Protein backbone atom coordinates (compact mmCIF):
# COMPACT_ATOMS: atom_id res chain seq x y z
CA MET A 1 155.36 23.78 177.02
CA LYS A 2 154.09 23.93 180.36
CA LEU A 3 154.03 26.23 183.62
CA TYR A 4 152.88 25.21 186.90
CA ALA A 5 151.55 27.14 189.89
CA ARG A 6 150.85 25.95 193.53
CA VAL A 7 149.02 28.66 195.87
CA LYS A 8 148.79 27.63 199.60
CA LEU A 9 146.55 30.17 201.60
CA ILE A 10 147.13 31.58 205.13
CA GLU A 11 144.44 32.75 207.38
CA ASP A 12 144.27 36.21 208.71
CA SER A 13 147.53 37.36 206.78
CA ASP A 14 148.00 39.95 204.10
CA GLU A 15 151.18 38.89 202.85
CA ILE A 16 151.65 36.90 199.62
CA ASN A 17 155.26 35.41 199.02
CA VAL A 18 156.27 34.15 195.71
CA ILE A 19 159.11 31.78 194.76
CA ILE A 20 159.72 31.48 191.13
CA GLN A 21 161.72 28.11 191.28
CA ASP A 22 163.47 28.26 187.96
CA ASN A 23 163.88 31.92 187.86
CA PRO A 24 164.31 33.38 191.17
CA ASN A 25 165.36 36.83 190.27
CA GLU A 26 162.46 37.55 188.03
CA ASP A 27 159.81 40.13 189.08
CA VAL A 28 156.87 38.78 190.94
CA THR A 29 154.55 41.42 190.61
CA LEU A 30 152.24 40.06 188.13
CA VAL A 31 152.00 36.94 190.38
CA LYS A 32 151.05 38.77 193.28
CA THR A 33 148.57 40.87 191.73
CA CYS A 34 146.91 37.84 190.35
CA VAL A 35 146.57 36.39 193.68
CA LYS A 36 145.63 39.76 195.33
CA ASN A 37 142.74 40.35 192.51
CA VAL A 38 141.28 36.81 192.72
CA LEU A 39 141.14 37.13 196.81
CA LYS A 40 139.64 40.39 196.58
CA ARG A 41 136.72 39.37 193.96
CA TYR A 42 135.95 35.95 195.18
CA SER A 43 137.11 35.64 198.99
CA GLU A 44 135.03 36.72 202.02
CA LYS A 45 137.78 35.85 204.28
CA ASN A 46 141.30 37.78 204.71
CA TYR A 47 143.98 35.63 203.27
CA GLY A 48 147.64 35.75 202.39
CA ALA A 49 149.36 33.21 200.35
CA LEU A 50 152.57 31.13 199.28
CA VAL A 51 152.85 30.90 195.71
CA TYR A 52 155.05 28.44 193.85
CA THR A 53 155.66 28.64 190.14
CA ARG A 54 157.83 26.29 187.77
CA SER A 55 158.10 26.97 183.95
CA GLU A 56 159.35 25.20 180.86
CA ILE A 57 158.65 28.47 179.10
CA PRO A 58 161.63 31.01 178.55
CA ILE A 59 160.83 34.43 179.82
CA ALA A 60 160.98 37.57 178.00
CA LYS A 61 161.29 35.72 174.34
CA GLY A 62 157.65 36.48 172.96
CA LEU A 63 156.17 33.06 174.11
CA ALA A 64 153.63 34.40 176.10
CA SER A 65 154.85 33.20 179.33
CA SER A 66 153.16 36.08 181.31
CA SER A 67 149.94 35.11 180.07
CA ALA A 68 150.49 31.54 180.96
CA ALA A 69 151.68 32.66 184.22
CA ALA A 70 148.60 34.63 184.92
CA ASN A 71 146.36 31.81 184.01
CA ALA A 72 148.11 29.09 186.15
CA VAL A 73 148.20 31.63 189.18
CA ILE A 74 144.57 32.48 188.74
CA LEU A 75 143.40 28.86 188.24
CA ALA A 76 145.67 28.01 191.22
CA THR A 77 144.16 30.35 193.54
CA LEU A 78 140.43 29.64 192.64
CA ALA A 79 141.46 25.84 193.18
CA ALA A 80 142.64 26.72 196.84
CA LEU A 81 139.38 28.72 197.46
CA ASN A 82 137.14 25.86 196.20
CA LYS A 83 135.75 28.27 193.71
CA THR A 84 135.02 27.53 189.94
CA ILE A 85 134.25 30.47 187.51
CA CYS A 86 133.80 30.39 183.74
CA TYR A 87 136.60 31.11 181.18
CA GLU A 88 135.29 34.59 180.29
CA GLU A 89 136.09 35.67 183.92
CA ILE A 90 139.32 34.14 184.04
CA LEU A 91 140.39 35.72 181.00
CA ASN A 92 139.20 38.90 182.16
CA LEU A 93 141.27 38.71 185.27
CA ASN A 94 144.31 37.65 183.39
CA VAL A 95 143.90 40.90 181.15
CA GLU A 96 143.21 43.13 183.84
CA THR A 97 146.12 42.13 185.99
CA SER A 98 148.45 42.25 182.63
CA ILE A 99 147.63 45.77 181.99
CA GLN A 100 147.60 47.02 185.63
CA THR A 101 151.28 45.41 186.16
CA SER A 102 152.39 46.58 182.52
CA VAL A 103 153.17 43.28 181.22
CA SER A 104 151.19 43.79 178.27
CA ILE A 105 149.89 46.64 175.98
CA THR A 106 146.62 45.48 175.30
CA GLY A 107 146.23 42.69 177.82
CA ALA A 108 146.97 40.05 175.45
CA TYR A 109 143.74 38.22 175.51
CA ASP A 110 144.64 36.46 172.47
CA ASP A 111 147.78 34.88 174.18
CA ALA A 112 145.66 34.26 177.39
CA ALA A 113 142.80 32.67 175.53
CA ALA A 114 144.97 30.49 173.48
CA SER A 115 146.89 29.40 176.88
CA LEU A 116 143.58 28.67 178.81
CA LEU A 117 141.59 27.15 175.99
CA GLY A 118 144.17 25.30 174.03
CA GLY A 119 144.56 25.05 170.03
CA GLY A 120 143.99 28.25 168.07
CA VAL A 121 142.24 31.41 168.42
CA LEU A 122 141.56 34.88 166.84
CA THR A 123 140.49 37.56 169.06
CA ASP A 124 139.53 40.77 169.39
CA ASN A 125 141.64 42.03 172.11
CA MET A 126 140.00 45.52 172.46
CA ARG A 127 136.86 44.35 172.97
CA ARG A 128 137.85 41.13 174.85
CA LYS A 129 136.13 38.77 172.45
CA ILE A 130 136.97 35.27 170.67
CA LEU A 131 136.13 35.52 167.07
CA LYS A 132 137.36 32.16 165.93
CA ARG A 133 138.51 28.94 167.98
CA PHE A 134 139.96 25.90 165.87
CA LEU A 135 141.91 22.94 166.58
CA MET A 136 145.66 22.95 165.22
CA ASP A 137 146.68 19.71 163.30
CA ASP A 138 148.00 17.25 165.96
CA ASN A 139 150.41 16.03 163.53
CA LEU A 140 152.68 19.28 163.59
CA PHE A 141 155.70 19.81 165.26
CA VAL A 142 156.68 23.26 166.68
CA ILE A 143 160.39 24.17 166.50
CA ILE A 144 161.38 27.04 168.15
CA THR A 145 164.59 28.97 168.14
CA ILE A 146 165.31 30.89 171.53
CA PRO A 147 168.22 33.72 171.29
CA GLU A 148 170.01 34.74 174.27
CA GLU A 149 168.68 38.31 174.42
CA LYS A 150 165.12 39.07 176.47
CA VAL A 151 162.77 41.58 175.26
CA TYR A 152 160.05 42.89 177.69
CA THR A 153 156.88 44.14 176.31
CA LYS A 154 157.13 47.46 178.23
CA SER A 155 160.28 48.44 175.83
CA VAL A 156 158.19 48.04 172.61
CA ASP A 157 157.57 51.50 170.70
CA LYS A 158 153.78 51.56 170.93
CA VAL A 159 153.76 54.60 168.60
CA LYS A 160 155.73 53.22 165.94
CA LEU A 161 153.53 50.04 165.90
CA SER A 162 150.42 52.20 165.69
CA PHE A 163 151.39 53.33 161.91
CA PHE A 164 151.16 49.82 160.71
CA LYS A 165 147.91 48.80 162.09
CA GLU A 166 146.01 48.74 158.69
CA TYR A 167 148.77 46.17 157.31
CA VAL A 168 148.58 43.93 160.40
CA ASP A 169 144.69 44.11 160.01
CA LEU A 170 144.98 42.75 156.47
CA ALA A 171 147.14 39.67 157.89
CA PHE A 172 144.26 39.25 160.46
CA ASP A 173 141.75 39.01 157.80
CA ILE A 174 143.72 36.47 156.05
CA ALA A 175 144.24 34.49 159.17
CA PHE A 176 140.28 33.65 159.14
CA LYS A 177 141.05 31.69 155.63
CA ASP A 178 144.37 30.55 155.95
CA ILE A 179 146.10 30.88 159.49
CA TYR A 180 149.41 29.67 158.01
CA LYS A 181 149.88 32.40 155.39
CA ALA A 182 148.43 35.06 157.66
CA ILE A 183 151.36 33.98 160.37
CA VAL A 184 154.51 34.37 157.81
CA LEU A 185 152.81 37.79 156.63
CA ASN A 186 152.06 39.28 160.25
CA SER A 187 155.55 38.20 161.03
CA LEU A 188 157.20 39.83 158.03
CA ILE A 189 155.45 42.97 159.46
CA TYR A 190 156.56 42.64 162.76
CA CYS A 191 160.03 41.94 161.90
CA SER A 192 160.42 45.06 160.36
CA LEU A 193 158.80 47.32 162.69
CA LEU A 194 160.85 45.35 165.92
CA ASN A 195 164.19 45.42 163.72
CA TYR A 196 164.54 41.38 163.51
CA THR A 197 165.85 39.56 160.35
CA THR A 198 163.44 37.51 158.42
CA GLU A 199 166.21 34.64 157.84
CA PRO A 200 164.77 32.10 160.38
CA ILE A 201 161.27 32.35 158.77
CA TYR A 202 162.97 31.97 155.16
CA LEU A 203 165.01 29.11 156.05
CA ALA A 204 161.98 27.06 157.90
CA LEU A 205 159.78 27.71 154.47
CA LYS A 206 162.80 26.75 152.41
CA HIS A 207 163.16 23.37 154.32
CA GLY A 208 159.51 22.48 154.25
CA ALA A 209 157.79 24.12 157.09
CA LYS A 210 154.03 24.62 156.67
CA SER A 211 154.39 28.20 158.23
CA SER A 212 157.06 29.94 160.38
CA GLY A 213 157.08 33.32 162.08
CA LEU A 214 157.86 35.51 164.76
CA CYS A 215 156.95 34.60 168.67
CA GLY A 216 154.92 37.74 169.74
CA LYS A 217 157.33 40.61 169.96
CA GLY A 218 159.99 38.08 169.78
CA PRO A 219 162.93 37.70 169.93
CA ALA A 220 162.14 33.86 169.53
CA PHE A 221 161.08 32.51 166.10
CA PHE A 222 158.98 29.36 165.48
CA ALA A 223 158.11 26.83 162.65
CA LEU A 224 155.32 24.55 162.13
CA CYS A 225 156.26 21.35 160.21
CA TYR A 226 155.46 17.66 159.74
CA GLU A 227 157.90 14.71 160.77
CA GLU A 228 159.62 14.76 157.52
CA ASN A 229 160.67 18.17 157.55
CA LEU A 230 161.47 18.35 161.26
CA ASN A 231 165.29 17.49 161.30
CA ASP A 232 166.09 19.90 158.33
CA VAL A 233 164.00 22.63 160.07
CA LYS A 234 165.51 22.41 163.24
CA GLU A 235 169.08 22.26 161.72
CA ALA A 236 168.49 25.40 160.19
CA PHE A 237 167.00 27.06 163.40
CA GLU A 238 170.25 26.02 165.29
CA ALA A 239 172.01 28.96 163.72
CA PHE A 240 169.84 31.33 165.81
CA GLY A 241 169.91 30.28 169.40
CA ASN A 242 168.98 27.14 171.55
CA VAL A 243 166.36 25.29 169.76
CA ILE A 244 163.09 23.37 171.33
CA VAL A 245 161.19 20.88 169.87
CA THR A 246 157.64 20.37 171.04
CA ARG A 247 154.16 19.77 169.52
CA VAL A 248 150.68 21.74 169.23
CA ASN A 249 148.53 21.84 172.37
CA ASN A 250 144.77 21.56 171.87
CA GLN A 251 143.81 20.77 175.44
CA GLY A 252 144.73 24.11 177.29
CA SER A 253 145.12 24.80 180.98
CA ARG A 254 143.65 22.61 183.73
CA ILE A 255 143.74 22.07 187.73
CA LEU A 256 145.81 19.21 188.87
CA ARG A 257 144.98 17.86 192.23
CA SER A 258 147.71 16.32 194.35
């Protein structure tokens, strides 16, 4: 699912105006701060900006919409400045802005890296380091069920999460050998922590999915499956909300010139 950002710089201005075209009532603090941080670090002139974003990613469902938005806005601002920087700098800007605006607990280096680079990543979020990158199987479909409720990261009980760290670490260790099993194990832990049912995961696996789990902090769930199981998994997921069917993305983020 794609998220688009367009930035128009305004000379001799301090004002940054943001229009989120598909969600006009959403908080624009993250977007504004992304632009400010890029301009502060990479512009020698005094610029304001007009920013437009449009997204196919449902907000506050655990689908890393904030990380994707930050990447898109950072890239668009750099493009407006005709600046090119390495991906590590982009990721650091993303993480710093996410922490600064409280949209993520750790800065979500994993989400930011996967969105920017495409494919799969295993990361050390605290050290801001990619430990492993890998391509996903292009034949896999991604089925996502989207409940009505929204869950914002700032509402998650950080103290409660800390008590289960060593068990999450076990799932992380497994991920280096078998990402699909790790997804299920990690999700079962977080579902118990965040009081979600595990029924979507069970039904997806029952109907032939290669893996299934909770999307981030939820409430969305996803399944990975091949075409022969697609209809059965999709039908099972329809009991839990609106369903999106898409594909894995190995390409990552890029700048589109008009």
